[in-house]
N, C-alpha and C. Protein backbone atom coordinates (compact mmCIF):
# COMPACT_ATOMS: atom_id res chain seq x y z
N MET A 1 -1.09 -13.29 -6.78
CA MET A 1 -0.97 -13.43 -5.34
C MET A 1 0.18 -12.54 -4.84
N MET A 2 -0.11 -11.77 -3.85
CA MET A 2 0.85 -10.84 -3.27
C MET A 2 1.80 -11.58 -2.34
N ASP A 3 3.10 -11.33 -2.49
CA ASP A 3 4.08 -11.87 -1.55
C ASP A 3 5.20 -10.85 -1.39
N LEU A 4 6.21 -11.19 -0.62
CA LEU A 4 7.27 -10.23 -0.30
C LEU A 4 8.10 -9.81 -1.50
N THR A 5 8.11 -10.61 -2.56
CA THR A 5 8.89 -10.26 -3.74
C THR A 5 8.07 -9.50 -4.79
N SER A 6 6.77 -9.38 -4.58
CA SER A 6 5.91 -8.67 -5.53
C SER A 6 6.31 -7.20 -5.61
N THR A 7 6.07 -6.59 -6.77
CA THR A 7 6.32 -5.16 -6.96
C THR A 7 4.99 -4.49 -7.31
N PRO A 8 4.19 -4.19 -6.29
CA PRO A 8 2.84 -3.67 -6.54
C PRO A 8 2.82 -2.22 -7.00
N ARG A 9 1.71 -1.89 -7.68
CA ARG A 9 1.46 -0.52 -8.12
C ARG A 9 -0.05 -0.31 -8.06
N LEU A 10 -0.46 0.94 -8.03
CA LEU A 10 -1.88 1.24 -8.10
C LEU A 10 -2.39 0.93 -9.50
N ALA A 11 -3.60 0.42 -9.58
CA ALA A 11 -4.22 0.10 -10.87
C ALA A 11 -4.50 1.40 -11.63
N PRO A 12 -4.57 1.31 -12.95
CA PRO A 12 -4.94 2.49 -13.75
C PRO A 12 -6.27 3.08 -13.25
N GLY A 13 -6.32 4.38 -13.17
CA GLY A 13 -7.53 5.06 -12.71
C GLY A 13 -7.58 5.26 -11.21
N CYS A 14 -6.60 4.74 -10.48
CA CYS A 14 -6.54 4.89 -9.03
C CYS A 14 -5.37 5.79 -8.67
N ARG A 15 -5.61 6.74 -7.78
CA ARG A 15 -4.52 7.61 -7.35
C ARG A 15 -4.86 8.22 -5.99
N LEU A 16 -3.82 8.59 -5.28
CA LEU A 16 -4.01 9.24 -3.99
C LEU A 16 -4.39 10.70 -4.21
N HIS A 17 -5.31 11.19 -3.41
CA HIS A 17 -5.65 12.61 -3.44
C HIS A 17 -4.44 13.38 -2.92
N PRO A 18 -4.10 14.51 -3.53
CA PRO A 18 -2.87 15.21 -3.13
C PRO A 18 -2.89 15.81 -1.73
N THR A 19 -4.06 16.12 -1.17
CA THR A 19 -4.10 16.78 0.13
C THR A 19 -4.97 16.08 1.17
N GLN A 20 -5.77 15.13 0.77
CA GLN A 20 -6.66 14.45 1.71
C GLN A 20 -6.29 12.98 1.81
N ASP A 21 -6.69 12.35 2.92
CA ASP A 21 -6.43 10.92 3.13
C ASP A 21 -7.51 10.09 2.46
N VAL A 22 -7.57 10.19 1.14
CA VAL A 22 -8.51 9.38 0.35
C VAL A 22 -7.79 8.87 -0.89
N LEU A 23 -8.28 7.74 -1.35
CA LEU A 23 -7.80 7.15 -2.60
C LEU A 23 -8.90 7.36 -3.63
N LEU A 24 -8.56 7.97 -4.73
CA LEU A 24 -9.51 8.19 -5.81
C LEU A 24 -9.51 6.96 -6.70
N VAL A 25 -10.69 6.35 -6.86
CA VAL A 25 -10.86 5.16 -7.69
C VAL A 25 -11.97 5.45 -8.69
N PRO A 26 -12.04 4.69 -9.77
CA PRO A 26 -13.08 4.97 -10.78
C PRO A 26 -14.50 5.01 -10.20
N GLU A 27 -14.76 4.24 -9.15
CA GLU A 27 -16.11 4.19 -8.57
C GLU A 27 -16.37 5.32 -7.58
N GLY A 28 -15.34 6.07 -7.20
CA GLY A 28 -15.51 7.14 -6.21
C GLY A 28 -14.25 7.34 -5.40
N THR A 29 -14.39 7.32 -4.06
CA THR A 29 -13.25 7.51 -3.18
C THR A 29 -13.28 6.47 -2.06
N LEU A 30 -12.11 6.17 -1.55
CA LEU A 30 -11.96 5.32 -0.37
C LEU A 30 -11.25 6.14 0.70
N ASN A 31 -11.85 6.24 1.88
CA ASN A 31 -11.19 6.92 2.99
C ASN A 31 -10.05 6.05 3.50
N LEU A 32 -8.91 6.67 3.75
CA LEU A 32 -7.74 5.95 4.21
C LEU A 32 -7.50 6.25 5.68
N THR A 33 -7.23 5.22 6.46
CA THR A 33 -6.98 5.39 7.89
C THR A 33 -5.60 4.85 8.24
N GLY A 34 -5.10 5.29 9.38
CA GLY A 34 -3.81 4.81 9.86
C GLY A 34 -2.72 5.04 8.83
N PRO A 35 -1.79 4.08 8.72
CA PRO A 35 -0.68 4.24 7.79
C PRO A 35 -1.00 3.81 6.36
N THR A 36 -2.27 3.60 6.05
CA THR A 36 -2.64 3.12 4.72
C THR A 36 -2.13 4.03 3.62
N ARG A 37 -2.26 5.33 3.81
CA ARG A 37 -1.77 6.28 2.79
C ARG A 37 -0.26 6.13 2.60
N ASP A 38 0.47 5.98 3.71
CA ASP A 38 1.92 5.84 3.62
C ASP A 38 2.31 4.58 2.84
N ILE A 39 1.54 3.52 3.01
CA ILE A 39 1.81 2.28 2.28
C ILE A 39 1.51 2.47 0.80
N LEU A 40 0.31 2.96 0.49
CA LEU A 40 -0.09 3.11 -0.91
C LEU A 40 0.78 4.12 -1.66
N ALA A 41 1.29 5.12 -0.97
CA ALA A 41 2.14 6.12 -1.61
C ALA A 41 3.46 5.52 -2.10
N ARG A 42 3.84 4.38 -1.55
CA ARG A 42 5.10 3.74 -1.93
C ARG A 42 4.95 2.75 -3.09
N LEU A 43 3.74 2.57 -3.57
CA LEU A 43 3.49 1.59 -4.63
C LEU A 43 3.83 2.21 -5.98
N ASP A 44 5.03 1.95 -6.46
CA ASP A 44 5.47 2.53 -7.73
C ASP A 44 5.73 1.48 -8.81
N GLY A 45 5.46 0.21 -8.50
CA GLY A 45 5.70 -0.85 -9.47
C GLY A 45 7.17 -1.20 -9.63
N GLN A 46 8.02 -0.60 -8.82
CA GLN A 46 9.46 -0.87 -8.88
C GLN A 46 9.99 -1.44 -7.58
N GLN A 47 9.43 -0.98 -6.46
CA GLN A 47 9.87 -1.48 -5.16
C GLN A 47 9.14 -2.77 -4.81
N SER A 48 9.87 -3.71 -4.25
CA SER A 48 9.24 -4.94 -3.77
C SER A 48 8.51 -4.65 -2.46
N VAL A 49 7.63 -5.55 -2.08
CA VAL A 49 6.94 -5.43 -0.80
C VAL A 49 7.97 -5.39 0.33
N THR A 50 9.02 -6.19 0.23
CA THR A 50 10.08 -6.19 1.24
C THR A 50 10.71 -4.80 1.37
N ALA A 51 10.99 -4.15 0.25
CA ALA A 51 11.58 -2.80 0.28
C ALA A 51 10.61 -1.79 0.88
N ILE A 52 9.33 -1.92 0.56
CA ILE A 52 8.32 -1.01 1.11
C ILE A 52 8.24 -1.18 2.62
N ILE A 53 8.26 -2.41 3.10
CA ILE A 53 8.23 -2.67 4.54
C ILE A 53 9.46 -2.08 5.21
N ALA A 54 10.63 -2.28 4.63
CA ALA A 54 11.87 -1.73 5.19
C ALA A 54 11.80 -0.21 5.28
N ASP A 55 11.26 0.42 4.26
CA ASP A 55 11.11 1.87 4.25
C ASP A 55 10.16 2.33 5.35
N LEU A 56 9.05 1.62 5.51
CA LEU A 56 8.10 1.96 6.57
C LEU A 56 8.73 1.80 7.95
N LEU A 57 9.53 0.76 8.13
CA LEU A 57 10.18 0.54 9.43
C LEU A 57 11.19 1.63 9.75
N ARG A 58 11.80 2.22 8.73
CA ARG A 58 12.69 3.37 8.96
C ARG A 58 11.89 4.58 9.43
N GLU A 59 10.67 4.71 8.94
CA GLU A 59 9.83 5.85 9.32
C GLU A 59 9.15 5.62 10.67
N TYR A 60 8.66 4.41 10.88
CA TYR A 60 7.96 4.05 12.12
C TYR A 60 8.91 3.22 12.98
N THR A 61 9.84 3.89 13.63
CA THR A 61 10.93 3.20 14.33
C THR A 61 10.47 2.35 15.52
N ASP A 62 9.33 2.65 16.09
CA ASP A 62 8.85 1.88 17.24
C ASP A 62 7.97 0.70 16.84
N ALA A 63 7.72 0.53 15.56
CA ALA A 63 6.82 -0.52 15.10
C ALA A 63 7.51 -1.88 15.13
N ASP A 64 6.71 -2.92 15.37
CA ASP A 64 7.20 -4.29 15.35
C ASP A 64 7.28 -4.77 13.90
N ALA A 65 8.44 -5.26 13.48
CA ALA A 65 8.66 -5.63 12.08
C ALA A 65 7.70 -6.71 11.61
N ASN A 66 7.44 -7.72 12.42
CA ASN A 66 6.53 -8.79 12.03
C ASN A 66 5.10 -8.29 11.87
N GLU A 67 4.72 -7.38 12.75
CA GLU A 67 3.37 -6.81 12.68
C GLU A 67 3.21 -5.95 11.43
N VAL A 68 4.21 -5.14 11.14
CA VAL A 68 4.18 -4.29 9.94
C VAL A 68 4.11 -5.17 8.69
N GLN A 69 4.92 -6.21 8.64
CA GLN A 69 4.91 -7.11 7.48
C GLN A 69 3.53 -7.72 7.27
N GLY A 70 2.93 -8.23 8.34
CA GLY A 70 1.60 -8.82 8.23
C GLY A 70 0.55 -7.81 7.81
N ASP A 71 0.60 -6.62 8.40
CA ASP A 71 -0.37 -5.57 8.07
C ASP A 71 -0.26 -5.14 6.61
N VAL A 72 0.97 -4.95 6.15
CA VAL A 72 1.19 -4.51 4.76
C VAL A 72 0.70 -5.59 3.79
N LEU A 73 1.07 -6.83 4.03
CA LEU A 73 0.62 -7.91 3.13
C LEU A 73 -0.89 -8.04 3.11
N ARG A 74 -1.53 -7.97 4.28
CA ARG A 74 -3.01 -8.07 4.33
C ARG A 74 -3.66 -6.92 3.57
N LEU A 75 -3.17 -5.70 3.76
CA LEU A 75 -3.73 -4.54 3.06
C LEU A 75 -3.58 -4.71 1.55
N LEU A 76 -2.38 -5.06 1.10
CA LEU A 76 -2.14 -5.18 -0.33
C LEU A 76 -2.95 -6.32 -0.95
N GLU A 77 -3.12 -7.41 -0.22
CA GLU A 77 -3.95 -8.52 -0.72
C GLU A 77 -5.40 -8.08 -0.87
N ARG A 78 -5.93 -7.35 0.13
CA ARG A 78 -7.32 -6.85 0.04
C ARG A 78 -7.47 -5.89 -1.13
N MET A 79 -6.51 -4.99 -1.29
CA MET A 79 -6.58 -4.02 -2.38
C MET A 79 -6.42 -4.71 -3.74
N GLU A 80 -5.63 -5.75 -3.80
CA GLU A 80 -5.48 -6.51 -5.04
C GLU A 80 -6.79 -7.22 -5.39
N GLU A 81 -7.46 -7.81 -4.40
CA GLU A 81 -8.74 -8.47 -4.62
C GLU A 81 -9.79 -7.50 -5.16
N ARG A 82 -9.72 -6.24 -4.72
CA ARG A 82 -10.68 -5.23 -5.15
C ARG A 82 -10.30 -4.59 -6.49
N GLY A 83 -9.13 -4.95 -7.02
CA GLY A 83 -8.70 -4.39 -8.30
C GLY A 83 -8.05 -3.03 -8.20
N ILE A 84 -7.66 -2.64 -6.98
CA ILE A 84 -7.07 -1.32 -6.75
C ILE A 84 -5.55 -1.38 -6.88
N VAL A 85 -4.98 -2.53 -6.53
CA VAL A 85 -3.54 -2.73 -6.60
C VAL A 85 -3.26 -3.87 -7.58
N ARG A 86 -2.22 -3.69 -8.36
CA ARG A 86 -1.80 -4.74 -9.31
C ARG A 86 -0.35 -5.11 -9.05
N VAL A 87 -0.02 -6.33 -9.42
CA VAL A 87 1.36 -6.80 -9.29
C VAL A 87 1.98 -6.83 -10.67
């Protein structure tokens, strides 16, 4: 279960395309929209979700902190359910 103290990483076989907004997964590709790429790019298995959110808030200075927190947690939970993100 993903929470603010989790240290997520991309699952083996999953990686961001170096020049396009897609995630390469064993089954093919997933198109990434909005800040999804920025979130997934921070998944190194060392940073907590809280640290990732703080980093995003430094980049997106006009964003609402509560909204960013909810969006990040929902995205990571969905990706974890699909086997794309691991804790």
